Protein backbone atom coordinates (compact mmCIF):
# COMPACT_ATOMS: atom_id res chain seq x y z
CA MET A 1 106.50 22.62 22.37
CA VAL A 2 104.25 25.46 21.27
CA ASN A 3 102.72 25.64 24.76
CA ASN A 4 106.14 25.57 26.46
CA GLY A 5 107.96 27.95 24.14
CA SER A 6 109.53 29.89 26.98
CA ASN A 7 110.83 26.85 28.83
CA ILE A 8 114.36 26.53 27.42
CA LYS A 9 114.97 23.25 29.27
CA LYS A 10 112.05 21.59 27.51
CA LEU A 11 113.01 23.15 24.19
CA ASP A 12 116.59 21.87 24.50
CA THR A 13 115.37 18.45 25.60
CA TYR A 14 113.10 17.90 22.60
CA ILE A 15 114.75 19.71 19.69
CA PHE A 16 117.50 17.11 19.26
CA PRO A 17 115.25 14.06 18.86
CA ILE A 18 112.79 16.08 16.77
CA MET A 19 115.47 17.31 14.38
CA PHE A 20 117.19 13.93 14.22
CA SER A 21 113.88 12.28 13.29
CA TYR A 22 113.05 14.92 10.69
CA ARG A 23 116.49 14.76 9.12
CA HIS A 24 116.56 10.98 9.08
CA ALA A 25 113.09 10.81 7.53
CA VAL A 26 114.16 13.20 4.74
CA GLU A 27 117.24 11.06 4.06
CA ILE A 28 115.10 7.93 3.87
CA SER A 29 112.57 9.66 1.60
CA LEU A 30 115.30 10.67 -0.85
CA LYS A 31 116.72 7.15 -0.88
CA HIS A 32 113.22 5.72 -1.30
CA ILE A 33 112.52 7.89 -4.35
CA TYR A 34 115.80 6.85 -5.95
CA LEU A 35 115.27 3.19 -5.04
CA ARG A 36 111.87 3.23 -6.76
CA ALA A 37 113.32 4.86 -9.84
CA TYR A 38 116.49 2.80 -10.21
CA GLY A 39 116.10 -0.27 -8.00
CA LYS A 40 119.13 0.55 -5.86
CA ILE A 41 120.16 2.82 -3.02
CA PRO A 42 121.91 5.97 -4.30
CA SER A 43 125.45 6.85 -3.41
CA GLY A 44 125.74 9.85 -1.15
CA GLY A 45 125.74 8.28 2.27
CA HIS A 46 124.02 10.55 4.77
CA SER A 47 124.62 13.83 2.91
CA LEU A 48 121.23 15.35 2.19
CA LEU A 49 122.70 17.66 -0.42
CA ASP A 50 124.44 14.82 -2.27
CA LEU A 51 121.28 12.70 -2.15
CA TRP A 52 119.07 15.61 -3.24
CA ASP A 53 121.38 16.52 -6.11
CA LYS A 54 121.33 12.89 -7.29
CA VAL A 55 117.51 12.70 -7.09
CA LYS A 56 117.20 16.07 -8.82
CA ARG A 57 119.51 15.10 -11.67
CA GLU A 58 118.55 11.46 -12.18
CA VAL A 59 114.87 11.34 -11.18
CA ILE A 60 113.52 14.84 -11.77
CA ASP A 61 115.62 15.89 -14.77
CA ASP A 62 116.13 12.49 -16.43
CA MET A 63 112.66 11.08 -15.74
CA ILE A 64 109.91 13.37 -14.51
CA ASN A 65 110.87 16.34 -16.70
CA SER A 66 112.27 14.38 -19.64
CA GLU A 67 110.11 14.32 -22.76
CA GLU A 68 112.16 11.40 -24.09
CA PHE A 69 111.48 9.37 -20.94
CA LEU A 70 107.78 10.30 -21.01
CA GLU A 71 107.49 9.09 -24.61
CA GLN A 72 108.84 5.72 -23.47
CA VAL A 73 106.33 5.61 -20.62
CA LYS A 74 103.45 6.35 -23.02
CA GLU A 75 104.37 3.20 -24.96
CA TYR A 76 103.52 0.88 -22.08
CA LYS A 77 101.02 2.88 -19.99
CA ASN A 78 97.41 2.47 -21.07
CA ASN A 79 96.16 5.43 -19.06
CA PHE A 80 99.13 7.76 -19.22
CA MET A 81 98.85 10.90 -17.15
CA LYS A 82 101.59 13.54 -17.31
CA TYR A 83 102.55 14.93 -13.94
CA SER A 84 104.08 18.32 -13.43
CA LEU A 85 106.29 19.79 -10.77
CA GLU A 86 105.11 23.26 -11.75
CA GLY A 87 104.53 25.31 -8.64
CA ILE A 88 107.23 23.45 -6.73
CA SER A 89 110.39 25.42 -6.27
CA ILE A 90 113.21 22.94 -6.75
CA ASN A 91 115.64 25.62 -5.55
CA LYS A 92 113.58 26.06 -2.36
CA ILE A 93 113.73 22.32 -1.73
CA ARG A 94 117.51 22.36 -2.11
CA LEU A 95 117.74 25.31 0.29
CA LEU A 96 115.68 23.37 2.85
CA MET A 97 118.04 20.40 2.41
CA LYS A 98 121.02 22.69 2.86
CA GLU A 99 119.51 24.23 5.97
CA LEU A 100 118.87 20.80 7.45
CA GLN A 101 122.38 19.67 6.64
CA GLU A 102 124.20 22.83 7.66
CA VAL A 103 121.89 23.89 10.47
CA ASN A 104 124.76 24.77 12.74
CA GLN A 105 126.75 26.91 10.32
CA ILE A 106 127.02 29.73 12.87
CA ASP A 107 129.10 27.40 15.03
CA ASP A 108 131.18 26.04 12.14
CA GLU A 109 133.86 28.70 12.44
CA ILE A 110 134.46 27.76 16.06
CA ASN A 111 133.72 24.04 15.64
CA PRO A 112 134.90 23.02 12.16
CA GLN A 113 134.07 19.38 12.96
CA ASN A 114 130.36 20.33 12.80
CA LYS A 115 130.27 20.36 9.00
CA GLN A 116 131.82 16.89 8.73
CA ALA A 117 129.66 15.65 11.59
CA ASP A 118 126.47 16.54 9.84
CA GLN A 119 127.67 14.90 6.64
CA ASN A 120 127.46 11.79 8.81
CA ALA A 121 124.12 12.87 10.37
CA GLU A 122 125.66 13.12 13.82
CA VAL A 123 124.86 16.69 14.83
CA TRP A 124 121.29 15.95 15.87
CA ARG A 125 122.03 12.43 17.09
CA TYR A 126 124.64 13.42 19.64
CA LEU A 127 125.04 16.55 21.68
CA ILE A 128 128.83 16.29 21.61
CA SER A 129 131.46 15.01 19.19
CA THR A 130 133.65 11.98 19.81
CA ASP A 131 136.40 14.34 20.99
CA GLU A 132 133.95 15.70 23.59
CA GLN A 133 133.30 19.06 21.92
CA LEU A 134 129.79 20.50 21.96
CA TYR A 135 128.36 20.77 18.46
CA PHE A 136 126.43 23.90 19.47
CA LYS A 137 128.21 26.48 21.60
CA PHE A 138 125.78 29.32 21.01
CA SER A 139 122.16 29.67 22.01
CA HIS A 140 119.73 28.95 19.21
CA SER A 141 116.00 29.51 19.07
CA VAL A 142 113.59 27.39 17.08
CA ASP A 143 110.13 28.36 15.89
CA TYR A 144 108.50 24.95 16.20
CA ILE A 145 105.44 25.93 14.16
CA VAL A 146 107.54 27.20 11.24
CA LEU A 147 109.73 24.09 11.52
CA LYS A 148 106.68 21.81 11.37
CA GLU A 149 105.20 23.69 8.41
CA GLY A 150 108.49 23.59 6.51
CA MET A 151 108.93 19.88 7.14
CA ASN A 152 105.33 19.15 6.16
CA TYR A 153 105.89 20.98 2.87
CA LEU A 154 109.11 19.07 2.26
CA TYR A 155 107.46 15.71 3.00
CA GLU A 156 104.53 16.51 0.70
CA VAL A 157 106.89 17.34 -2.16
CA LEU A 158 109.01 14.22 -1.62
CA ASP A 159 105.89 12.03 -1.38
CA PHE A 160 104.62 13.56 -4.63
CA MET A 161 107.94 12.85 -6.36
CA TYR A 162 107.83 9.26 -5.18
CA HIS A 163 104.24 8.97 -6.42
CA ILE A 164 105.21 10.29 -9.86
CA ALA A 165 108.15 7.91 -10.20
CA ASP A 166 106.01 5.00 -9.03
CA GLU A 167 103.18 5.90 -11.38
CA TYR A 168 105.47 6.24 -14.40
CA LEU A 169 107.30 3.00 -13.68
CA SER A 170 104.22 0.89 -12.89
CA SER A 171 102.59 -0.97 -15.76
């Protein structure tokens, strides 16, 4: 994509499967973190913001950053190591989730079904809605390098959070 940045046909052809895969992978990562922490899939369906808020509240706040929880972990971990999320902007992560979920907000005023569609993860899966309306009516440009870097950062953070939860919960 970097080498064909001026070819709009190629850009349009590949952005939808790329974004769908990225978005779906983030959703799975959030559910995986929660599943490791609580042994069940979180409520929230396909809404990245709902899933993120649940992981933030119940995994980050109630486990990773909870002194009370860490004291319990110390009781059964022989080689306890305290992990820190210092240096990770939780607000930045939420903004990335919001951007992924509401990526087409420019079109929302004209196509109000877009917001509901992305709650169901449909915007990147299908080019048009079930009532045959285009999700995107305006031209958009994507910086594929910035997109890749942002997604890599997001995946690294989510992998780290999973690692922390797994480490704390393993005997």
